[in-house]
Amino acid sequence: MSLTYQTCLQAVEVVLASGSVPTIVGEAGIGKSALVADLAAKRHAKLFTTVVSLVEKGDLVIPVPPLTTDSFVQTDDYGSLADVQFGYSHTLVAMIRQAEAHPDQEIIWFLDEFNRGTQAVQSELMNLVLQRQINTLKLPRQVHLILAENPDATMAGFEQSHYGVTPGDAAIADRTTRLILRADTPSWLDWATAEVAGQPRIDPLVTAYLAENPGDLYVATTGTMADDDLQPTPRAWERVSRALRQVDRENLWGHLEMLTAILQGNLGITVGMAFAGYISEQRPGLTVEQAFQAEDAVATFTDLVPAQQQQILQLCLAAGADWPLTVAANARRFTELLEVCPPDGQFAVAQLMADEPDLLE
């Protein structure tokens, strides 16, 4: 059974409270890391993350040769023996220091992309999960471990998955609690619209679009858009949100071709095009006030795609009460913009004017 974001968050807390280790399974970019970060924030825990796919065997613990004469053990019959010590990774050292400095604060150690590590690395980490100890180092009592995995074809319900993973053996699978996370648009929108530092986590253009098109939050590779080599995921929408805010800072809404390329590079061709069309309607590149008053309005208008140009002129007509075309300056500017449009755009605008007989009364 797959779980929504909030239900999975609750399930992880129950598993931790029972003394077990949860493994969150979900597609790439679906929100596993965000869920663990939210859990740490909710519990006021210190979060440490290890991306297992980047770990090599021995990275956590490195044998250190004797450094002084005290590190040698003299025997009567077997000669001099070296008492080899161990050096530990920075993550483990930082974790121990955190535990000593804040003995009452929880620590969450998140082992991300667990099944993308090699079999040797998985076995080494699972020994840590089970024994809570590596050589002489023992994990502090307040450390909780959480694993995250991408699905693989050996898991029920994911027979068509094609991730480059190293499936763990049955012994490993039997020692954690598997929780399957699914894309859940309502929960994600609640998270995305929550304010952080005075603004929503995700740009309102994204959340408004997904509220109207909830199926576009995540598209499975086996779905109707499987021909696209890129698919939208919650993580991809986060990247899009950051890009939109940068576009807003630089006032680049008129560069729809550039923006469309960025959207398609994150969301795939189908959803990228659909969202670009939505943006052109919501942010056409020029406000009505700019269209009528800005000195560079005609030059900016000329650089826009025809769909944006037509949208701006329609907005100008709709704002006739504030910007009447019976005023000479307004009529002159509107004509300049209309002349830039391709013939089919001019015809569409003329039809709209003809349908409003009171427009020039």
Protein backbone atom coordinates (compact mmCIF):
# COMPACT_ATOMS: atom_id res chain seq x y z
CA MET A 1 0.00 0.00 0.00
CA SER A 2 1.31 3.43 -0.92
CA LEU A 3 0.94 6.41 1.39
CA THR A 4 0.30 10.10 0.94
CA TYR A 5 2.94 12.53 2.15
CA GLN A 6 1.23 13.29 5.48
CA THR A 7 0.31 9.66 6.16
CA CYS A 8 3.86 8.54 5.39
CA LEU A 9 5.23 11.23 7.71
CA GLN A 10 3.00 9.91 10.49
CA ALA A 11 3.99 6.31 9.75
CA VAL A 12 7.70 7.15 9.95
CA GLU A 13 7.16 8.62 13.42
CA VAL A 14 5.34 5.48 14.56
CA VAL A 15 8.11 3.23 13.25
CA LEU A 16 10.78 5.30 14.98
CA ALA A 17 8.84 5.31 18.24
CA SER A 18 8.61 1.50 18.08
CA GLY A 19 12.39 1.26 17.91
CA SER A 20 12.55 0.11 14.28
CA VAL A 21 14.19 1.63 11.21
CA PRO A 22 11.90 2.93 8.41
CA THR A 23 12.80 2.65 4.72
CA ILE A 24 10.93 5.17 2.56
CA VAL A 25 10.53 3.89 -1.00
CA GLY A 26 9.47 6.22 -3.80
CA GLU A 27 10.24 7.44 -7.29
CA ALA A 28 13.06 9.92 -7.80
CA GLY A 29 12.07 13.47 -6.90
CA ILE A 30 8.82 12.49 -5.23
CA GLY A 31 9.66 14.12 -1.89
CA LYS A 32 11.48 11.57 0.28
CA SER A 33 14.23 13.99 1.31
CA ALA A 34 11.70 16.78 1.92
CA LEU A 35 9.69 14.44 4.13
CA VAL A 36 12.71 13.61 6.29
CA ALA A 37 13.64 17.30 6.51
CA ASP A 38 10.08 18.14 7.60
CA LEU A 39 10.22 15.36 10.18
CA ALA A 40 13.49 16.69 11.60
CA ALA A 41 12.07 20.22 11.79
CA LYS A 42 8.89 18.97 13.45
CA ARG A 43 10.85 17.06 16.10
CA HIS A 44 13.52 19.78 16.48
CA ALA A 45 16.09 17.13 15.58
CA LYS A 46 19.53 17.65 14.07
CA LEU A 47 19.59 16.13 10.59
CA PHE A 48 22.62 14.43 9.04
CA THR A 49 22.40 13.07 5.50
CA THR A 50 24.60 10.50 3.78
CA VAL A 51 24.01 9.84 0.07
CA VAL A 52 24.81 6.15 -0.07
CA SER A 53 25.23 6.11 -3.85
CA LEU A 54 28.35 8.27 -3.34
CA VAL A 55 29.85 6.08 -0.60
CA GLU A 56 32.58 3.52 -1.21
CA LYS A 57 33.34 0.61 1.07
CA GLY A 58 35.60 1.82 3.87
CA ASP A 59 34.56 5.48 3.62
CA LEU A 60 32.93 5.42 7.07
CA VAL A 61 35.84 3.73 8.82
CA ILE A 62 39.48 3.82 7.73
CA PRO A 63 42.15 1.76 9.52
CA VAL A 64 44.89 3.95 10.97
CA PRO A 65 48.36 2.42 11.50
CA PRO A 66 50.13 2.77 14.86
CA LEU A 67 51.27 6.32 15.46
CA THR A 68 53.39 5.91 18.63
CA THR A 69 55.36 3.17 20.38
CA ASP A 70 52.42 2.81 22.79
CA SER A 71 50.38 1.41 19.92
CA PHE A 72 52.51 -1.75 19.81
CA VAL A 73 51.82 -4.76 22.00
CA GLN A 74 54.86 -6.83 22.98
CA THR A 75 54.30 -10.55 23.44
CA ASP A 76 56.58 -13.29 24.77
CA ASP A 77 56.05 -15.77 21.96
CA TYR A 78 54.45 -13.89 19.07
CA GLY A 79 56.56 -10.83 18.58
CA SER A 80 55.42 -7.22 18.41
CA LEU A 81 51.78 -6.68 17.43
CA ALA A 82 50.43 -3.42 16.03
CA ASP A 83 47.24 -2.22 17.71
CA VAL A 84 45.54 -0.70 14.67
CA GLN A 85 43.08 2.09 15.42
CA PHE A 86 40.34 3.49 13.20
CA GLY A 87 39.60 6.87 11.70
CA TYR A 88 35.93 7.75 11.22
CA SER A 89 34.20 9.82 8.57
CA HIS A 90 33.46 13.47 9.20
CA THR A 91 29.73 12.70 9.43
CA LEU A 92 30.25 10.26 12.29
CA VAL A 93 32.61 12.62 14.09
CA ALA A 94 30.17 15.53 13.72
CA MET A 95 27.35 13.33 14.95
CA ILE A 96 29.26 12.36 18.09
CA ARG A 97 30.16 16.00 18.77
CA GLN A 98 26.53 17.02 18.30
CA ALA A 99 25.38 14.33 20.73
CA GLU A 100 27.91 15.40 23.36
CA ALA A 101 27.08 19.08 23.00
CA HIS A 102 23.29 18.53 22.98
CA PRO A 103 22.58 15.25 24.81
CA ASP A 104 18.82 15.86 24.93
CA GLN A 105 18.35 16.72 21.24
CA GLU A 106 17.33 14.02 18.77
CA ILE A 107 19.58 13.24 15.82
CA ILE A 108 18.25 11.84 12.56
CA TRP A 109 20.76 10.14 10.28
CA PHE A 110 19.24 9.92 6.81
CA LEU A 111 20.77 7.29 4.51
CA ASP A 112 19.51 8.48 1.14
CA GLU A 113 19.59 6.43 -2.09
CA PHE A 114 20.43 3.38 0.02
CA ASN A 115 19.89 0.82 -2.73
CA ARG A 116 22.01 2.76 -5.19
CA GLY A 117 25.09 1.92 -3.16
CA THR A 118 27.07 -1.22 -3.86
CA GLN A 119 26.23 -4.47 -2.12
CA ALA A 120 29.37 -4.15 0.03
CA VAL A 121 28.40 -0.62 1.13
CA GLN A 122 24.83 -1.69 1.88
CA SER A 123 26.06 -4.59 4.01
CA GLU A 124 28.46 -2.34 5.90
CA LEU A 125 25.73 0.20 6.61
CA MET A 126 23.17 -2.45 7.53
CA ASN A 127 25.57 -3.79 10.13
CA LEU A 128 25.61 -0.28 11.58
CA VAL A 129 21.80 -0.13 11.43
CA LEU A 130 21.46 -3.43 13.28
CA GLN A 131 24.30 -3.22 15.79
CA ARG A 132 24.37 0.60 16.11
CA GLN A 133 28.15 0.24 16.28
CA ILE A 134 31.20 0.30 14.01
CA ASN A 135 34.26 -1.21 15.60
CA THR A 136 34.67 0.75 18.85
CA LEU A 137 32.29 3.59 17.94
CA LYS A 138 28.75 3.30 19.28
CA LEU A 139 25.93 5.47 17.99
CA PRO A 140 24.51 7.76 20.67
CA ARG A 141 21.12 6.75 22.01
CA GLN A 142 19.37 9.77 20.46
CA VAL A 143 20.39 8.85 16.90
CA HIS A 144 17.52 7.60 14.73
CA LEU A 145 18.23 6.10 11.31
CA ILE A 146 15.95 6.53 8.28
CA LEU A 147 16.64 4.94 4.90
CA ALA A 148 15.34 5.99 1.49
CA GLU A 149 15.33 3.88 -1.66
CA ASN A 150 14.22 4.13 -5.26
CA PRO A 151 11.93 1.29 -6.32
CA ASP A 152 13.39 -1.69 -8.14
CA ALA A 153 11.81 -4.40 -10.24
CA THR A 154 11.96 -6.92 -7.39
CA MET A 155 9.48 -4.89 -5.32
CA ALA A 156 5.78 -5.64 -5.62
CA GLY A 157 4.04 -2.98 -7.69
CA PHE A 158 7.27 -1.71 -9.27
CA GLU A 159 7.92 -4.47 -11.79
CA GLN A 160 8.40 -1.90 -14.58
CA SER A 161 10.96 0.20 -12.71
CA HIS A 162 14.27 0.83 -14.46
CA TYR A 163 16.40 2.53 -11.79
CA GLY A 164 20.08 1.65 -11.63
CA VAL A 165 19.85 0.14 -8.17
CA THR A 166 21.49 -2.75 -6.35
CA PRO A 167 18.64 -4.69 -4.76
CA GLY A 168 19.39 -5.67 -1.16
CA ASP A 169 19.17 -9.29 -0.18
CA ALA A 170 16.26 -10.71 1.82
CA ALA A 171 18.17 -10.36 5.10
CA ILE A 172 18.50 -6.61 4.59
CA ALA A 173 14.87 -6.16 3.51
CA ASP A 174 13.70 -8.05 6.60
CA ARG A 175 15.41 -5.69 9.02
CA THR A 176 13.64 -2.43 8.21
CA THR A 177 10.02 -1.32 7.75
CA ARG A 178 9.23 -0.44 4.13
CA LEU A 179 6.92 2.56 3.62
CA ILE A 180 5.95 3.42 0.04
CA LEU A 181 5.46 7.12 -0.68
CA ARG A 182 3.28 8.24 -3.57
CA ALA A 183 2.78 11.62 -5.19
CA ASP A 184 -0.08 13.43 -3.49
CA THR A 185 -1.00 16.80 -4.95
CA PRO A 186 -3.23 18.16 -2.12
CA SER A 187 -0.59 17.41 0.54
CA TRP A 188 2.17 18.81 -1.65
CA LEU A 189 0.19 21.99 -2.27
CA ASP A 190 -0.32 22.44 1.48
CA TRP A 191 3.44 22.15 1.90
CA ALA A 192 4.20 24.38 -1.11
CA THR A 193 1.90 27.23 -0.08
CA ALA A 194 3.13 27.35 3.53
CA GLU A 195 5.15 30.51 4.13
CA VAL A 196 8.86 30.42 4.90
CA ALA A 197 10.69 33.69 5.60
CA GLY A 198 7.64 35.68 4.57
CA GLN A 199 6.90 34.03 1.23
CA PRO A 200 5.39 30.73 0.04
CA ARG A 201 7.84 27.85 -0.35
CA ILE A 202 6.88 27.49 -4.01
CA ASP A 203 6.10 30.29 -6.47
CA PRO A 204 2.32 30.93 -6.68
CA LEU A 205 2.37 30.45 -10.46
CA VAL A 206 3.37 26.82 -9.88
CA THR A 207 0.84 26.13 -7.14
CA ALA A 208 -1.99 27.83 -9.04
CA TYR A 209 -1.22 25.75 -12.15
CA LEU A 210 -1.05 22.48 -10.20
CA ALA A 211 -4.27 23.30 -8.36
CA GLU A 212 -5.92 23.37 -11.80
CA ASN A 213 -3.88 20.44 -13.17
CA PRO A 214 -3.17 18.13 -10.19
CA GLY A 215 -2.15 15.24 -12.44
CA ASP A 216 0.90 17.18 -13.62
CA LEU A 217 2.65 17.15 -10.22
CA TYR A 218 4.11 13.75 -11.02
CA VAL A 219 3.83 11.75 -14.25
CA ALA A 220 4.92 8.11 -14.19
CA THR A 221 7.24 7.01 -17.00
CA THR A 222 4.70 4.35 -17.94
CA GLY A 223 1.89 6.88 -18.38
CA THR A 224 0.48 8.68 -21.39
CA MET A 225 3.55 10.91 -21.67
CA ALA A 226 6.06 8.08 -21.48
CA ASP A 227 7.61 9.16 -24.79
CA ASP A 228 9.07 12.23 -23.04
CA ASP A 229 12.52 11.45 -21.70
CA LEU A 230 11.86 13.89 -18.82
CA GLN A 231 8.84 13.81 -16.55
CA PRO A 232 7.55 16.27 -13.92
CA THR A 233 8.23 15.41 -10.29
CA PRO A 234 7.78 17.42 -7.08
CA ARG A 235 11.54 18.05 -7.06
CA ALA A 236 11.42 19.29 -10.67
CA TRP A 237 8.63 21.72 -9.74
CA GLU A 238 10.82 23.06 -6.94
CA ARG A 239 13.56 23.81 -9.48
CA VAL A 240 11.00 25.48 -11.73
CA SER A 241 9.84 27.63 -8.81
CA ARG A 242 13.39 28.84 -8.17
CA ALA A 243 13.82 29.62 -11.87
CA LEU A 244 10.58 31.62 -11.97
CA ARG A 245 11.65 33.71 -9.02
CA GLN A 246 14.93 34.46 -10.76
CA VAL A 247 13.03 35.41 -13.93
CA ASP A 248 10.89 37.75 -11.83
CA ARG A 249 13.97 39.36 -10.22
CA GLU A 250 15.45 40.02 -13.65
CA ASN A 251 12.08 40.93 -15.23
CA LEU A 252 12.47 38.42 -18.06
CA TRP A 253 8.82 37.42 -18.44
CA GLY A 254 8.87 38.59 -22.03
CA HIS A 255 11.49 35.99 -23.00
CA LEU A 256 9.02 33.14 -23.36
CA GLU A 257 11.25 31.08 -25.64
CA MET A 258 14.02 31.03 -23.06
CA LEU A 259 11.56 30.33 -20.26
CA THR A 260 9.93 27.50 -22.20
CA ALA A 261 13.31 25.84 -22.70
CA ILE A 262 13.94 25.95 -18.94
CA LEU A 263 10.50 24.51 -18.22
CA GLN A 264 10.91 21.69 -20.72
CA GLY A 265 14.38 20.98 -19.33
CA ASN A 266 12.77 20.31 -15.96
CA LEU A 267 9.28 19.01 -16.72
CA GLY A 268 9.55 17.39 -20.14
CA ILE A 269 8.15 18.64 -23.43
CA THR A 270 4.44 18.01 -22.83
CA VAL A 271 4.00 19.51 -19.36
CA GLY A 272 6.68 22.15 -20.02
CA MET A 273 4.73 23.47 -23.01
CA ALA A 274 1.45 23.41 -21.10
CA PHE A 275 2.92 25.37 -18.19
CA ALA A 276 4.60 27.84 -20.57
CA GLY A 277 1.19 28.53 -22.10
CA TYR A 278 -0.25 29.08 -18.64
CA ILE A 279 2.54 31.53 -17.80
CA SER A 280 1.99 33.47 -21.02
CA GLU A 281 -1.62 33.98 -19.94
CA GLN A 282 -0.82 34.93 -16.36
CA ARG A 283 2.35 36.93 -17.03
CA PRO A 284 2.12 38.09 -20.64
CA GLY A 285 5.40 40.03 -20.55
CA LEU A 286 3.96 43.54 -20.22
CA THR A 287 1.34 44.90 -17.87
CA VAL A 288 -1.39 47.07 -19.35
CA GLU A 289 0.17 50.13 -17.75
CA GLN A 290 3.57 49.28 -19.24
CA ALA A 291 2.02 48.65 -22.66
CA PHE A 292 0.48 52.12 -22.74
CA GLN A 293 3.13 54.17 -20.93
CA ALA A 294 6.58 52.55 -21.01
CA GLU A 295 8.98 54.17 -23.47
CA ASP A 296 10.38 50.81 -24.58
CA ALA A 297 6.98 49.08 -24.72
CA VAL A 298 6.98 48.64 -28.51
CA ALA A 299 10.51 47.20 -28.54
CA THR A 300 9.68 44.81 -25.70
CA PHE A 301 6.39 43.90 -27.38
CA THR A 302 8.21 43.11 -30.64
CA ASP A 303 10.40 40.51 -28.88
CA LEU A 304 7.42 38.59 -27.52
CA VAL A 305 5.91 35.52 -29.16
CA PRO A 306 2.59 36.08 -31.01
CA ALA A 307 0.53 34.40 -28.27
CA GLN A 308 1.88 36.85 -25.70
CA GLN A 309 1.33 39.82 -28.00
CA GLN A 310 -2.29 38.87 -28.56
CA GLN A 311 -2.83 38.31 -24.84
CA ILE A 312 -1.46 41.78 -24.00
CA LEU A 313 -3.71 43.48 -26.55
CA GLN A 314 -6.72 41.59 -25.20
CA LEU A 315 -5.85 42.79 -21.70
CA CYS A 316 -5.56 46.34 -23.01
CA LEU A 317 -9.06 46.11 -24.47
CA ALA A 318 -10.43 44.63 -21.24
CA ALA A 319 -8.97 47.60 -19.32
CA GLY A 320 -10.78 50.11 -21.52
CA ALA A 321 -12.39 51.84 -18.56
CA ASP A 322 -8.98 52.84 -17.23
CA TRP A 323 -7.19 53.13 -20.57
CA PRO A 324 -9.84 54.24 -23.09
CA LEU A 325 -8.87 54.08 -26.74
CA THR A 326 -10.78 57.32 -27.29
CA VAL A 327 -7.76 59.05 -25.74
CA ALA A 328 -5.36 59.91 -28.56
CA ALA A 329 -2.18 58.75 -26.81
CA ASN A 330 -3.75 55.42 -25.91
CA ALA A 331 -5.10 54.88 -29.42
CA ARG A 332 -1.70 55.74 -30.94
CA ARG A 333 0.15 53.27 -28.69
CA PHE A 334 -2.46 50.52 -29.21
CA THR A 335 -2.13 50.96 -32.98
CA GLU A 336 1.67 50.72 -32.77
CA LEU A 337 1.41 47.47 -30.85
CA LEU A 338 -1.27 46.06 -33.13
CA GLU A 339 0.90 46.71 -36.20
CA VAL A 340 3.64 44.53 -34.70
CA CYS A 341 1.31 41.53 -34.48
CA PRO A 342 1.20 38.99 -37.31
CA PRO A 343 -1.93 39.21 -39.52
CA ASP A 344 -3.81 36.39 -37.79
CA GLY A 345 -3.22 38.09 -34.43
CA GLN A 346 -4.46 41.41 -35.79
CA PHE A 347 -7.57 39.67 -37.12
CA ALA A 348 -8.27 38.03 -33.74
CA VAL A 349 -7.97 41.39 -31.96
CA ALA A 350 -10.17 43.10 -34.57
CA GLN A 351 -12.82 40.42 -34.07
CA LEU A 352 -12.71 41.02 -30.34
CA MET A 353 -13.18 44.75 -30.91
CA ALA A 354 -16.07 44.08 -33.25
CA ASP A 355 -17.77 41.95 -30.60
CA GLU A 356 -17.69 44.92 -28.21
CA PRO A 357 -19.85 47.55 -29.95
CA ASP A 358 -19.57 49.95 -27.00
CA LEU A 359 -15.77 49.87 -27.00
CA LEU A 360 -15.35 53.11 -28.91
CA GLU A 361 -18.65 54.75 -28.06
